[in-house]
Amino acid sequence: MRTHDLIVIGAGSGNALVDDRFARLDVAVVAEGPFGGTCLNAGCIPSKMLAAGADVADTVREAGRHDVDAELRRVRWADARERVFGRLDTAAKEGEEGRRASDNITVYRGRARFTGDRRLSVETESGPVELRADRIVVAAGGRPVVPPVVADSGLPYETSDTVMRLEAPPERLVVLGGGYIAAELAHVFHSAGSHVTVVEQRDRLLAQQDEAISEAFTDIVRDRWDLRLGRELTEVSGEPGDLRLTLDDGTELRAGTLLVAVGRRPNGDRLGLEAAGVDAEDGRITVDEHLRTSAEGVWALGDVSTPVPLKHVANREAEVVAHNLLHPDDPRTMSYDAVPAAVFTRPQIARIGLTEQEAREQGLDYATATHRYEDVAYGWALEETQGFCKVLVDRRTGRLLGAHLLGPQAATLIQPLVVAQTFGITARDLAEQPLWIHPALTEVVENALRDLDDLDDLDDPAS
């Protein structure tokens, strides 16, 4: 049995926590997949690189609204794919090589399973390797959910882990699911020339978003994608390249490719957690506010444990775990009170805090206001008629409960609202204290705040 001071399971955000502060420790990194994890290899980064190209293609298609005569000849998918993954595969390879070259780090390739208290067995190509350590960090990520109707069909399908590496955009693509992964990849492949059909059980896309955002987005994409809402997939038949997909209303869809994007699940169920006394529920490891598990000396972070499986959340969790490993007598806590998120589809979407339906369900006394892009000067410049910013504020304190944007640059425009919610800045102070650049698009945020009813009554009690 090989012994280390610290073992990290996972080569994504878990691997990132090991920096020069750990140089005096004997560290092992156990990696089943490529270095960089889901984000670098099959998630955030490649999807956004391809989405950026899709945005360029759509901008050319829509150039006429700016009195520009332009024609999109084609999207060079193979070149785009090579540009994206040529760069990212190199980064993953160099990340692994860098760890292997470190004097204090050992890399083990394979899937790890707990065999006891801070003991692991790693299935490597050359056979099982037994490891133990004083401390272990579990950052084993998650994986796509594939429903049995697809998995048991015996026919090929794609997930977000694989679809971006296709050699060519499919002529007809059916996307199963209506969440953010489905929306982003539908945007990418529609812009690349695929006929896209989206099958979603709910009656709106992006149903976890604020109701105004979800309704608006669904209406916007009706003209681009064939939407089959409120429908379930009941059978997959046909043959590779010519799939027949039967829905619960008897409708049969034909597709060259099926993309399954119904969600992701944590990988805790693959780790033998019971042998180490690590508590989990449905594969998601249970952690406390310091990101410690129920087992002494074992921490967890990222998609395998977090309640908010987003890369920027995992990165912050890695910072917290790193500090707590190095400073056990002065532990930091992890907060999920103000977590922003964005969907890089077209139009772009961003959010922070509560949706209006959540505020209503909680019985909160809140005010809300919406300001449209087309009502600010740079919205005129963009000829933007669909976008808006919506804010929700607690009437008792004047502080933000939530904010939601749909439109160009939404993921950037949300940031002042993230800062305000994080630091408890009132809507009135955020609207009136800073100078907002004119005619920048940030004026849509400023004016949404100024549009709140009874703004003078929305004051911080402490003031």
Protein backbone atom coordinates (compact mmCIF):
# COMPACT_ATOMS: atom_id res chain seq x y z
CA MET A 1 0.00 0.00 0.00
CA ARG A 2 1.30 3.43 -1.00
CA THR A 3 0.93 6.24 1.50
CA HIS A 4 0.56 9.97 0.83
CA ASP A 5 -0.11 13.03 2.96
CA LEU A 6 -3.00 14.11 0.74
CA ILE A 7 -4.99 12.40 -2.01
CA VAL A 8 -7.24 14.34 -4.39
CA ILE A 9 -9.79 12.31 -6.34
CA GLY A 10 -10.51 14.21 -9.53
CA ALA A 11 -8.51 16.34 -11.97
CA GLY A 12 -10.88 19.29 -12.27
CA SER A 13 -11.44 21.84 -9.51
CA GLY A 14 -10.04 19.40 -6.97
CA ASN A 15 -6.71 19.29 -8.74
CA ALA A 16 -6.73 23.09 -8.92
CA LEU A 17 -6.64 23.45 -5.14
CA VAL A 18 -3.10 22.02 -5.00
CA ASP A 19 -0.75 24.98 -5.40
CA ASP A 20 2.67 26.00 -4.08
CA ARG A 21 1.36 26.07 -0.51
CA PHE A 22 1.23 22.27 -0.65
CA ALA A 23 4.83 21.86 -1.85
CA ARG A 24 5.96 20.33 1.45
CA LEU A 25 3.31 17.60 1.26
CA ASP A 26 3.38 14.28 -0.59
CA VAL A 27 0.27 14.65 -2.78
CA ALA A 28 -1.48 12.15 -5.05
CA VAL A 29 -3.97 13.08 -7.77
CA VAL A 30 -6.26 10.28 -8.95
CA ALA A 31 -7.77 11.03 -12.35
CA GLU A 32 -10.20 8.87 -14.28
CA GLY A 33 -10.83 11.44 -17.00
CA PRO A 34 -8.66 14.09 -18.65
CA PHE A 35 -7.12 16.86 -16.59
CA GLY A 36 -9.24 19.97 -16.36
CA GLY A 37 -12.38 17.99 -15.62
CA THR A 38 -15.78 18.49 -17.22
CA CYS A 39 -15.42 22.25 -17.57
CA LEU A 40 -12.32 22.18 -19.75
CA ASN A 41 -13.05 19.04 -21.73
CA ALA A 42 -16.80 18.66 -22.17
CA GLY A 43 -18.58 21.52 -20.46
CA CYS A 44 -18.25 25.22 -19.81
CA ILE A 45 -15.32 26.10 -22.04
CA PRO A 46 -15.88 24.14 -25.27
CA SER A 47 -19.61 24.85 -25.25
CA LYS A 48 -19.01 28.59 -24.84
CA MET A 49 -16.29 28.63 -27.49
CA LEU A 50 -18.72 26.99 -29.91
CA ALA A 51 -21.57 29.23 -28.73
CA ALA A 52 -19.42 32.30 -29.46
CA GLY A 53 -19.01 31.07 -33.02
CA ALA A 54 -22.75 30.43 -33.23
CA ASP A 55 -23.35 34.04 -32.11
CA VAL A 56 -21.09 35.27 -34.92
CA ALA A 57 -23.00 33.20 -37.47
CA ASP A 58 -26.32 34.52 -36.21
CA THR A 59 -25.02 38.09 -36.23
CA VAL A 60 -24.21 37.71 -39.93
CA ARG A 61 -27.65 36.25 -40.60
CA GLU A 62 -29.28 39.19 -38.81
CA ALA A 63 -27.00 41.90 -40.23
CA GLY A 64 -29.82 43.38 -42.27
CA ARG A 65 -31.41 44.99 -39.23
CA HIS A 66 -28.31 47.20 -39.05
CA ASP A 67 -28.56 48.04 -42.76
CA VAL A 68 -25.59 45.80 -43.51
CA ASP A 69 -25.81 43.48 -46.49
CA ALA A 70 -24.03 40.27 -45.49
CA GLU A 71 -24.42 36.63 -46.40
CA LEU A 72 -23.40 33.62 -44.35
CA ARG A 73 -21.88 31.08 -46.70
CA ARG A 74 -21.31 28.32 -44.16
CA VAL A 75 -20.09 27.40 -40.70
CA ARG A 76 -16.86 25.41 -41.01
CA TRP A 77 -17.74 22.96 -38.24
CA ALA A 78 -14.68 20.73 -38.63
CA ASP A 79 -12.38 23.73 -38.42
CA ALA A 80 -14.25 25.14 -35.43
CA ARG A 81 -14.13 21.79 -33.65
CA GLU A 82 -10.40 21.51 -34.29
CA ARG A 83 -9.79 25.06 -33.08
CA VAL A 84 -11.70 24.39 -29.87
CA PHE A 85 -10.49 20.92 -28.97
CA GLY A 86 -7.02 21.35 -30.42
CA ARG A 87 -6.54 24.04 -27.82
CA LEU A 88 -8.38 22.34 -24.96
CA ASP A 89 -6.92 18.86 -25.47
CA THR A 90 -3.46 20.44 -25.44
CA ALA A 91 -4.30 22.26 -22.20
CA ALA A 92 -5.51 19.01 -20.61
CA LYS A 93 -2.38 17.16 -21.70
CA GLU A 94 -0.09 19.92 -20.46
CA GLY A 95 -1.97 20.02 -17.16
CA GLU A 96 -1.30 16.34 -16.58
CA GLU A 97 2.31 16.60 -17.70
CA GLY A 98 2.84 19.50 -15.32
CA ARG A 99 1.56 17.47 -12.38
CA ARG A 100 3.67 14.45 -13.32
CA ALA A 101 6.74 16.69 -13.46
CA SER A 102 6.15 17.99 -9.92
CA ASP A 103 8.53 16.70 -7.29
CA ASN A 104 5.82 16.22 -4.67
CA ILE A 105 2.87 15.02 -6.79
CA THR A 106 2.08 11.50 -8.01
CA VAL A 107 -0.59 10.97 -10.67
CA TYR A 108 -2.64 7.78 -10.72
CA ARG A 109 -4.79 7.10 -13.77
CA GLY A 110 -8.00 5.18 -13.07
CA ARG A 111 -11.21 5.07 -11.05
CA ALA A 112 -10.86 5.23 -7.27
CA ARG A 113 -13.01 3.42 -4.72
CA PHE A 114 -12.84 3.62 -0.96
CA THR A 115 -11.89 0.37 0.73
CA GLY A 116 -11.77 1.66 4.30
CA ASP A 117 -10.93 4.64 6.47
CA ARG A 118 -8.95 6.96 4.16
CA ARG A 119 -8.01 3.97 2.03
CA LEU A 120 -8.52 3.67 -1.72
CA SER A 121 -8.15 1.17 -4.50
CA VAL A 122 -7.43 2.64 -7.93
CA GLU A 123 -8.08 0.54 -11.03
CA THR A 124 -5.16 1.49 -13.28
CA GLU A 125 -4.25 0.01 -16.65
CA SER A 126 -1.58 -2.09 -14.96
CA GLY A 127 -3.88 -3.34 -12.24
CA PRO A 128 -5.24 -2.15 -8.89
CA VAL A 129 -3.13 0.15 -6.72
CA GLU A 130 -3.87 0.45 -3.01
CA LEU A 131 -3.49 3.91 -1.45
CA ARG A 132 -3.98 5.57 1.90
CA ALA A 133 -3.56 9.14 3.14
CA ASP A 134 -4.03 11.26 6.22
CA ARG A 135 -6.44 13.44 4.27
CA ILE A 136 -8.52 12.90 1.14
CA VAL A 137 -10.42 15.39 -1.01
CA VAL A 138 -13.19 13.93 -3.16
CA ALA A 139 -13.82 16.00 -6.28
CA ALA A 140 -14.98 13.24 -8.62
CA GLY A 141 -17.53 15.34 -10.52
CA GLY A 142 -20.74 14.17 -12.15
CA ARG A 143 -22.05 12.64 -15.35
CA PRO A 144 -25.01 13.00 -17.71
CA VAL A 145 -28.28 11.32 -16.79
CA VAL A 146 -29.53 8.93 -19.48
CA PRO A 147 -33.11 7.69 -19.02
CA PRO A 148 -33.74 3.95 -19.46
CA VAL A 149 -35.87 4.49 -22.58
CA VAL A 150 -32.69 5.64 -24.31
CA ALA A 151 -30.05 3.59 -22.50
CA ASP A 152 -31.92 0.31 -22.98
CA SER A 153 -32.72 0.88 -26.66
CA GLY A 154 -29.35 -0.37 -27.87
CA LEU A 155 -29.20 2.54 -30.29
CA PRO A 156 -26.57 5.29 -30.30
CA TYR A 157 -27.10 8.62 -28.59
CA GLU A 158 -24.99 11.61 -27.63
CA THR A 159 -24.61 13.57 -24.39
CA SER A 160 -22.87 16.83 -23.62
CA ASP A 161 -19.75 14.73 -23.00
CA THR A 162 -19.62 13.62 -26.64
CA VAL A 163 -21.80 15.71 -28.95
CA MET A 164 -19.42 18.64 -29.39
CA ARG A 165 -16.82 16.31 -30.92
CA LEU A 166 -19.08 15.10 -33.74
CA GLU A 167 -17.38 15.20 -37.14
CA ALA A 168 -20.24 17.18 -38.65
CA PRO A 169 -23.48 18.81 -37.50
CA PRO A 170 -26.33 16.31 -37.90
CA GLU A 171 -28.91 17.18 -40.52
CA ARG A 172 -31.69 16.47 -38.02
CA LEU A 173 -30.96 16.67 -34.29
CA VAL A 174 -33.46 15.86 -31.55
CA VAL A 175 -32.59 17.26 -28.14
CA LEU A 176 -34.18 15.50 -25.18
CA GLY A 177 -34.46 18.03 -22.35
CA GLY A 178 -35.18 21.72 -21.92
CA GLY A 179 -32.61 22.94 -19.41
CA TYR A 180 -29.53 25.09 -19.84
CA ILE A 181 -27.36 22.38 -21.46
CA ALA A 182 -30.11 21.61 -23.96
CA ALA A 183 -30.60 25.31 -24.73
CA GLU A 184 -26.92 26.04 -25.27
CA LEU A 185 -26.25 23.04 -27.49
CA ALA A 186 -29.46 23.54 -29.47
CA HIS A 187 -28.22 27.08 -30.17
CA VAL A 188 -24.81 25.78 -31.28
CA PHE A 189 -26.15 23.14 -33.67
CA HIS A 190 -29.01 25.23 -35.06
CA SER A 191 -26.52 27.96 -35.93
CA ALA A 192 -24.27 25.34 -37.55
CA GLY A 193 -27.12 24.25 -39.83
CA SER A 194 -28.92 21.43 -38.03
CA HIS A 195 -32.70 21.18 -37.95
CA VAL A 196 -33.29 21.08 -34.19
CA THR A 197 -36.26 19.55 -32.40
CA VAL A 198 -36.49 19.91 -28.61
CA VAL A 199 -38.56 17.46 -26.55
CA GLU A 200 -39.29 18.68 -23.01
CA GLN A 201 -41.66 17.34 -20.36
CA ARG A 202 -42.57 20.80 -19.06
CA ASP A 203 -44.62 23.37 -20.93
CA ARG A 204 -41.73 25.85 -21.08
CA LEU A 205 -38.00 25.71 -21.69
CA LEU A 206 -35.61 26.71 -18.88
CA ALA A 207 -38.40 26.21 -16.36
CA GLN A 208 -36.01 26.73 -13.42
CA GLN A 209 -35.50 30.34 -14.49
CA ASP A 210 -37.75 33.20 -13.46
CA GLU A 211 -41.14 32.74 -15.08
CA ALA A 212 -40.78 35.89 -17.17
CA ILE A 213 -37.43 34.71 -18.54
CA SER A 214 -38.66 31.18 -19.23
CA GLU A 215 -41.79 32.36 -21.01
CA ALA A 216 -39.93 34.94 -23.10
CA PHE A 217 -37.15 32.55 -24.11
CA THR A 218 -39.59 29.83 -25.08
CA ASP A 219 -41.51 32.26 -27.29
CA ILE A 220 -38.33 33.58 -28.90
CA VAL A 221 -36.98 30.18 -29.99
CA ARG A 222 -40.28 28.83 -31.33
CA ASP A 223 -39.37 30.19 -34.75
CA ARG A 224 -35.93 28.53 -34.70
CA TRP A 225 -36.48 25.14 -33.15
CA ASP A 226 -39.29 22.62 -33.44
CA LEU A 227 -40.58 22.57 -29.86
CA ARG A 228 -42.42 19.54 -28.48
CA LEU A 229 -43.35 20.77 -24.99
CA GLY A 230 -45.25 18.83 -22.36
CA ARG A 231 -44.14 15.63 -24.07
CA GLU A 232 -42.20 12.52 -22.99
CA LEU A 233 -40.09 10.13 -25.05
CA THR A 234 -41.58 6.63 -24.81
CA GLU A 235 -39.62 4.63 -27.39
CA VAL A 236 -36.42 4.76 -29.43
CA SER A 237 -36.29 2.57 -32.52
CA GLY A 238 -34.88 2.58 -36.04
CA GLU A 239 -31.20 2.23 -36.75
CA PRO A 240 -28.02 4.29 -36.31
CA GLY A 241 -28.29 7.46 -38.35
CA ASP A 242 -32.04 7.01 -38.84
CA LEU A 243 -33.67 7.03 -35.41
CA ARG A 244 -37.40 6.90 -34.78
CA LEU A 245 -38.41 8.61 -31.56
CA THR A 246 -41.95 8.02 -30.31
CA LEU A 247 -43.55 10.53 -27.93
CA ASP A 248 -46.30 9.92 -25.40
CA ASP A 249 -48.93 11.41 -27.73
CA GLY A 250 -48.05 8.87 -30.44
CA THR A 251 -46.04 11.33 -32.53
CA GLU A 252 -42.97 9.84 -34.24
CA LEU A 253 -39.90 12.00 -34.84
CA ARG A 254 -37.09 11.13 -37.23
CA ALA A 255 -33.53 12.07 -36.36
CA GLY A 256 -30.01 11.37 -37.42
CA THR A 257 -28.75 12.10 -33.91
CA LEU A 258 -30.33 12.11 -30.46
CA LEU A 259 -28.79 14.38 -27.83
CA VAL A 260 -29.77 13.48 -24.26
CA ALA A 261 -29.63 16.58 -22.05
CA VAL A 262 -32.01 15.88 -19.18
CA GLY A 263 -29.56 16.67 -16.39
CA ARG A 264 -26.46 15.47 -14.61
CA ARG A 265 -25.90 13.41 -11.49
CA PRO A 266 -23.04 13.30 -8.97
CA ASN A 267 -20.53 10.44 -9.14
CA GLY A 268 -20.61 9.55 -5.46
CA ASP A 269 -22.39 6.27 -6.20
CA ARG A 270 -19.23 5.01 -7.96
CA LEU A 271 -16.82 5.61 -5.10
CA GLY A 272 -17.62 2.93 -2.49
CA LEU A 273 -18.36 5.65 0.06
CA GLU A 274 -19.93 3.25 2.56
CA ALA A 275 -16.56 1.58 3.17
CA ALA A 276 -15.15 4.89 4.41
CA GLY A 277 -18.21 6.04 6.38
CA VAL A 278 -18.86 8.94 3.98
CA ASP A 279 -22.54 9.87 4.00
CA ALA A 280 -24.28 10.60 0.70
CA GLU A 281 -27.78 10.87 -0.70
CA ASP A 282 -28.47 9.66 -4.24
CA GLY A 283 -24.74 9.82 -4.93
CA ARG A 284 -24.31 13.39 -3.66
CA ILE A 285 -21.82 13.50 -0.80
CA THR A 286 -23.04 15.29 2.32
CA VAL A 287 -20.72 18.02 3.62
CA ASP A 288 -20.85 20.61 6.40
CA GLU A 289 -20.24 24.35 6.09
CA HIS A 290 -16.48 23.71 6.02
CA LEU A 291 -16.94 21.09 3.23
CA ARG A 292 -15.98 18.22 5.54
CA THR A 293 -17.74 14.90 5.04
CA SER A 294 -19.01 12.62 7.79
CA ALA A 295 -15.66 10.75 7.74
CA GLU A 296 -12.68 12.15 9.61
CA GLY A 297 -10.06 13.60 7.29
CA VAL A 298 -12.24 13.50 4.16
CA TRP A 299 -13.48 16.62 2.34
CA ALA A 300 -15.59 16.96 -0.80
CA LEU A 301 -16.20 19.66 -3.37
CA GLY A 302 -17.61 20.29 -6.82
CA ASP A 303 -20.37 18.40 -8.61
CA VAL A 304 -19.98 15.31 -6.43
CA SER A 305 -21.22 17.21 -3.38
CA THR A 306 -22.29 20.79 -4.06
CA PRO A 307 -25.93 21.91 -4.02
CA VAL A 308 -25.09 24.25 -6.92
CA PRO A 309 -23.13 22.35 -9.60
CA LEU A 310 -21.46 25.27 -11.37
CA LYS A 311 -17.76 25.70 -12.15
CA HIS A 312 -17.39 29.04 -10.40
CA VAL A 313 -18.96 27.50 -7.31
CA ALA A 314 -16.58 24.53 -7.45
CA ASN A 315 -13.62 26.90 -7.77
CA ARG A 316 -14.69 28.77 -4.63
CA GLU A 317 -15.22 25.48 -2.83
CA ALA A 318 -11.68 24.48 -3.81
CA GLU A 319 -10.38 27.70 -2.26
CA VAL A 320 -12.27 26.95 0.96
CA VAL A 321 -11.02 23.35 1.15
CA ALA A 322 -7.44 24.38 0.41
CA HIS A 323 -7.52 26.93 3.22
CA ASN A 324 -9.10 24.45 5.64
CA LEU A 325 -6.52 21.78 4.84
CA LEU A 326 -3.71 24.25 5.54
CA HIS A 327 -5.36 26.05 8.48
CA PRO A 328 -7.48 23.50 10.36
CA ASP A 329 -7.67 25.74 13.44
CA ASP A 330 -9.10 28.65 11.45
CA PRO A 331 -11.58 27.09 9.01
CA ARG A 332 -13.51 29.03 6.40
CA THR A 333 -17.14 28.39 5.56
CA MET A 334 -18.76 28.08 2.15
CA SER A 335 -21.73 30.31 1.39
CA TYR A 336 -24.32 29.75 -1.32
CA ASP A 337 -26.37 32.86 -0.54
CA ALA A 338 -25.59 34.77 -3.73
CA VAL A 339 -24.71 32.43 -6.57
CA PRO A 340 -25.00 33.86 -10.09
CA ALA A 341 -25.52 31.72 -13.18
CA ALA A 342 -25.75 32.28 -16.91
CA VAL A 343 -27.02 30.45 -19.98
CA PHE A 344 -24.97 31.13 -23.10
CA THR A 345 -27.69 30.64 -25.63
CA ARG A 346 -29.21 33.31 -27.90
CA PRO A 347 -30.46 35.47 -26.30
CA GLN A 348 -28.09 35.15 -23.37
CA ILE A 349 -29.60 34.71 -19.89
CA ALA A 350 -28.27 35.46 -16.40
CA ARG A 351 -29.66 35.34 -12.88
CA ILE A 352 -28.90 35.90 -9.21
CA GLY A 353 -31.06 35.08 -6.20
CA LEU A 354 -34.76 34.24 -6.10
CA THR A 355 -37.16 33.93 -8.98
CA GLU A 356 -40.51 35.65 -8.65
CA GLN A 357 -42.26 32.31 -8.27
CA GLU A 358 -39.93 31.43 -5.39
CA ALA A 359 -40.53 34.79 -3.70
CA ARG A 360 -44.27 34.30 -4.09
CA GLU A 361 -44.16 30.75 -2.74
CA GLN A 362 -42.19 31.95 0.30
CA GLY A 363 -44.81 34.61 1.02
CA LEU A 364 -42.30 37.45 0.85
CA ASP A 365 -43.33 41.10 0.62
CA TYR A 366 -41.48 42.16 -2.49
CA ALA A 367 -41.49 44.74 -5.25
CA THR A 368 -40.54 44.00 -8.83
CA ALA A 369 -39.65 46.06 -11.88
CA THR A 370 -38.69 45.27 -15.47
CA HIS A 371 -36.82 47.48 -17.92
CA ARG A 372 -36.38 46.59 -21.56
CA TYR A 373 -33.19 46.89 -23.61
CA GLU A 374 -35.11 48.76 -26.30
CA ASP A 375 -35.77 51.57 -23.82
CA VAL A 376 -32.09 52.49 -23.30
CA ALA A 377 -29.83 54.16 -25.84
CA TYR A 378 -27.46 51.25 -26.45
CA GLY A 379 -30.43 48.98 -26.87
CA TRP A 380 -31.36 51.27 -29.77
CA ALA A 381 -27.84 50.87 -31.14
CA LEU A 382 -28.20 47.08 -31.01
CA GLU A 383 -31.73 47.18 -32.47
CA GLU A 384 -32.54 44.91 -29.54
CA THR A 385 -36.28 44.38 -29.06
CA GLN A 386 -36.42 41.22 -26.98
CA GLY A 387 -34.13 41.74 -23.98
CA PHE A 388 -35.01 42.96 -20.49
CA CYS A 389 -33.77 43.19 -16.91
CA LYS A 390 -36.06 42.21 -14.05
CA VAL A 391 -35.32 42.89 -10.38
CA LEU A 392 -37.02 41.77 -7.18
CA VAL A 393 -36.53 43.72 -3.94
CA ASP A 394 -37.56 43.09 -0.34
CA ARG A 395 -39.96 45.91 0.58
CA ARG A 396 -38.89 45.77 4.25
CA THR A 397 -35.18 46.25 3.67
CA GLY A 398 -34.86 47.60 0.14
CA ARG A 399 -32.33 44.89 -0.64
CA LEU A 400 -32.25 42.70 -3.71
CA LEU A 401 -33.94 39.33 -3.54
CA GLY A 402 -33.17 38.42 -7.12
CA ALA A 403 -32.37 39.72 -10.57
CA HIS A 404 -32.81 38.26 -14.05
CA LEU A 405 -31.55 39.32 -17.46
CA LEU A 406 -32.33 38.16 -20.97
CA GLY A 407 -30.44 39.67 -23.87
CA PRO A 408 -26.97 40.57 -25.16
CA GLN A 409 -24.18 40.59 -22.55
CA ALA A 410 -26.54 39.31 -19.83
CA ALA A 411 -23.76 37.30 -18.12
CA THR A 412 -21.73 40.51 -17.75
CA LEU A 413 -24.58 42.89 -16.91
CA ILE A 414 -25.65 40.74 -13.95
CA GLN A 415 -22.42 41.40 -12.05
CA PRO A 416 -23.34 44.75 -10.38
CA LEU A 417 -26.43 43.01 -9.07
CA VAL A 418 -24.32 40.10 -7.79
CA VAL A 419 -22.14 42.56 -5.88
CA ALA A 420 -25.20 44.33 -4.49
CA GLN A 421 -26.79 41.13 -3.22
CA THR A 422 -23.51 39.83 -1.82
CA PHE A 423 -22.82 42.97 0.20
CA GLY A 424 -26.41 43.91 1.06
CA ILE A 425 -26.44 47.12 -0.98
CA THR A 426 -29.97 48.48 -1.29
CA ALA A 427 -31.63 48.93 -4.65
CA ARG A 428 -31.85 52.65 -4.05
CA ASP A 429 -28.14 52.99 -3.25
CA LEU A 430 -27.15 50.88 -6.25
CA ALA A 431 -29.34 52.98 -8.54
CA GLU A 432 -28.38 56.40 -7.19
CA GLN A 433 -24.89 56.28 -5.70
CA PRO A 434 -22.65 55.05 -8.57
CA LEU A 435 -22.44 56.89 -11.86
CA TRP A 436 -23.68 54.67 -14.68
CA ILE A 437 -21.96 55.19 -18.03
CA HIS A 438 -24.16 56.62 -20.77
CA PRO A 439 -25.01 55.16 -23.21
CA ALA A 440 -23.64 51.80 -22.07
CA LEU A 441 -25.92 48.78 -21.92
CA THR A 442 -25.59 48.81 -18.11
CA GLU A 443 -28.28 51.50 -18.15
CA VAL A 444 -30.84 48.72 -18.51
CA VAL A 445 -29.82 47.55 -15.00
CA GLU A 446 -29.81 51.08 -13.58
CA ASN A 447 -33.26 51.83 -14.97
CA ALA A 448 -34.74 48.55 -13.78
CA LEU A 449 -33.70 49.59 -10.26
CA ARG A 450 -35.09 53.09 -10.73
CA ASP A 451 -38.38 51.67 -12.04
CA LEU A 452 -39.16 49.96 -8.74
CA ASP A 453 -42.45 51.08 -7.26
CA ASP A 454 -42.12 53.24 -4.16
CA LEU A 455 -38.34 53.37 -4.43
CA ASP A 456 -38.26 56.00 -1.66
CA ASP A 457 -39.80 53.47 0.72
CA LEU A 458 -37.23 50.78 -0.03
CA ASP A 459 -34.66 51.69 2.57
CA ASP A 460 -32.21 49.67 4.62
CA PRO A 461 -33.47 49.71 8.25
CA ALA A 462 -29.88 50.28 9.34
CA SER A 463 -29.87 53.61 7.51
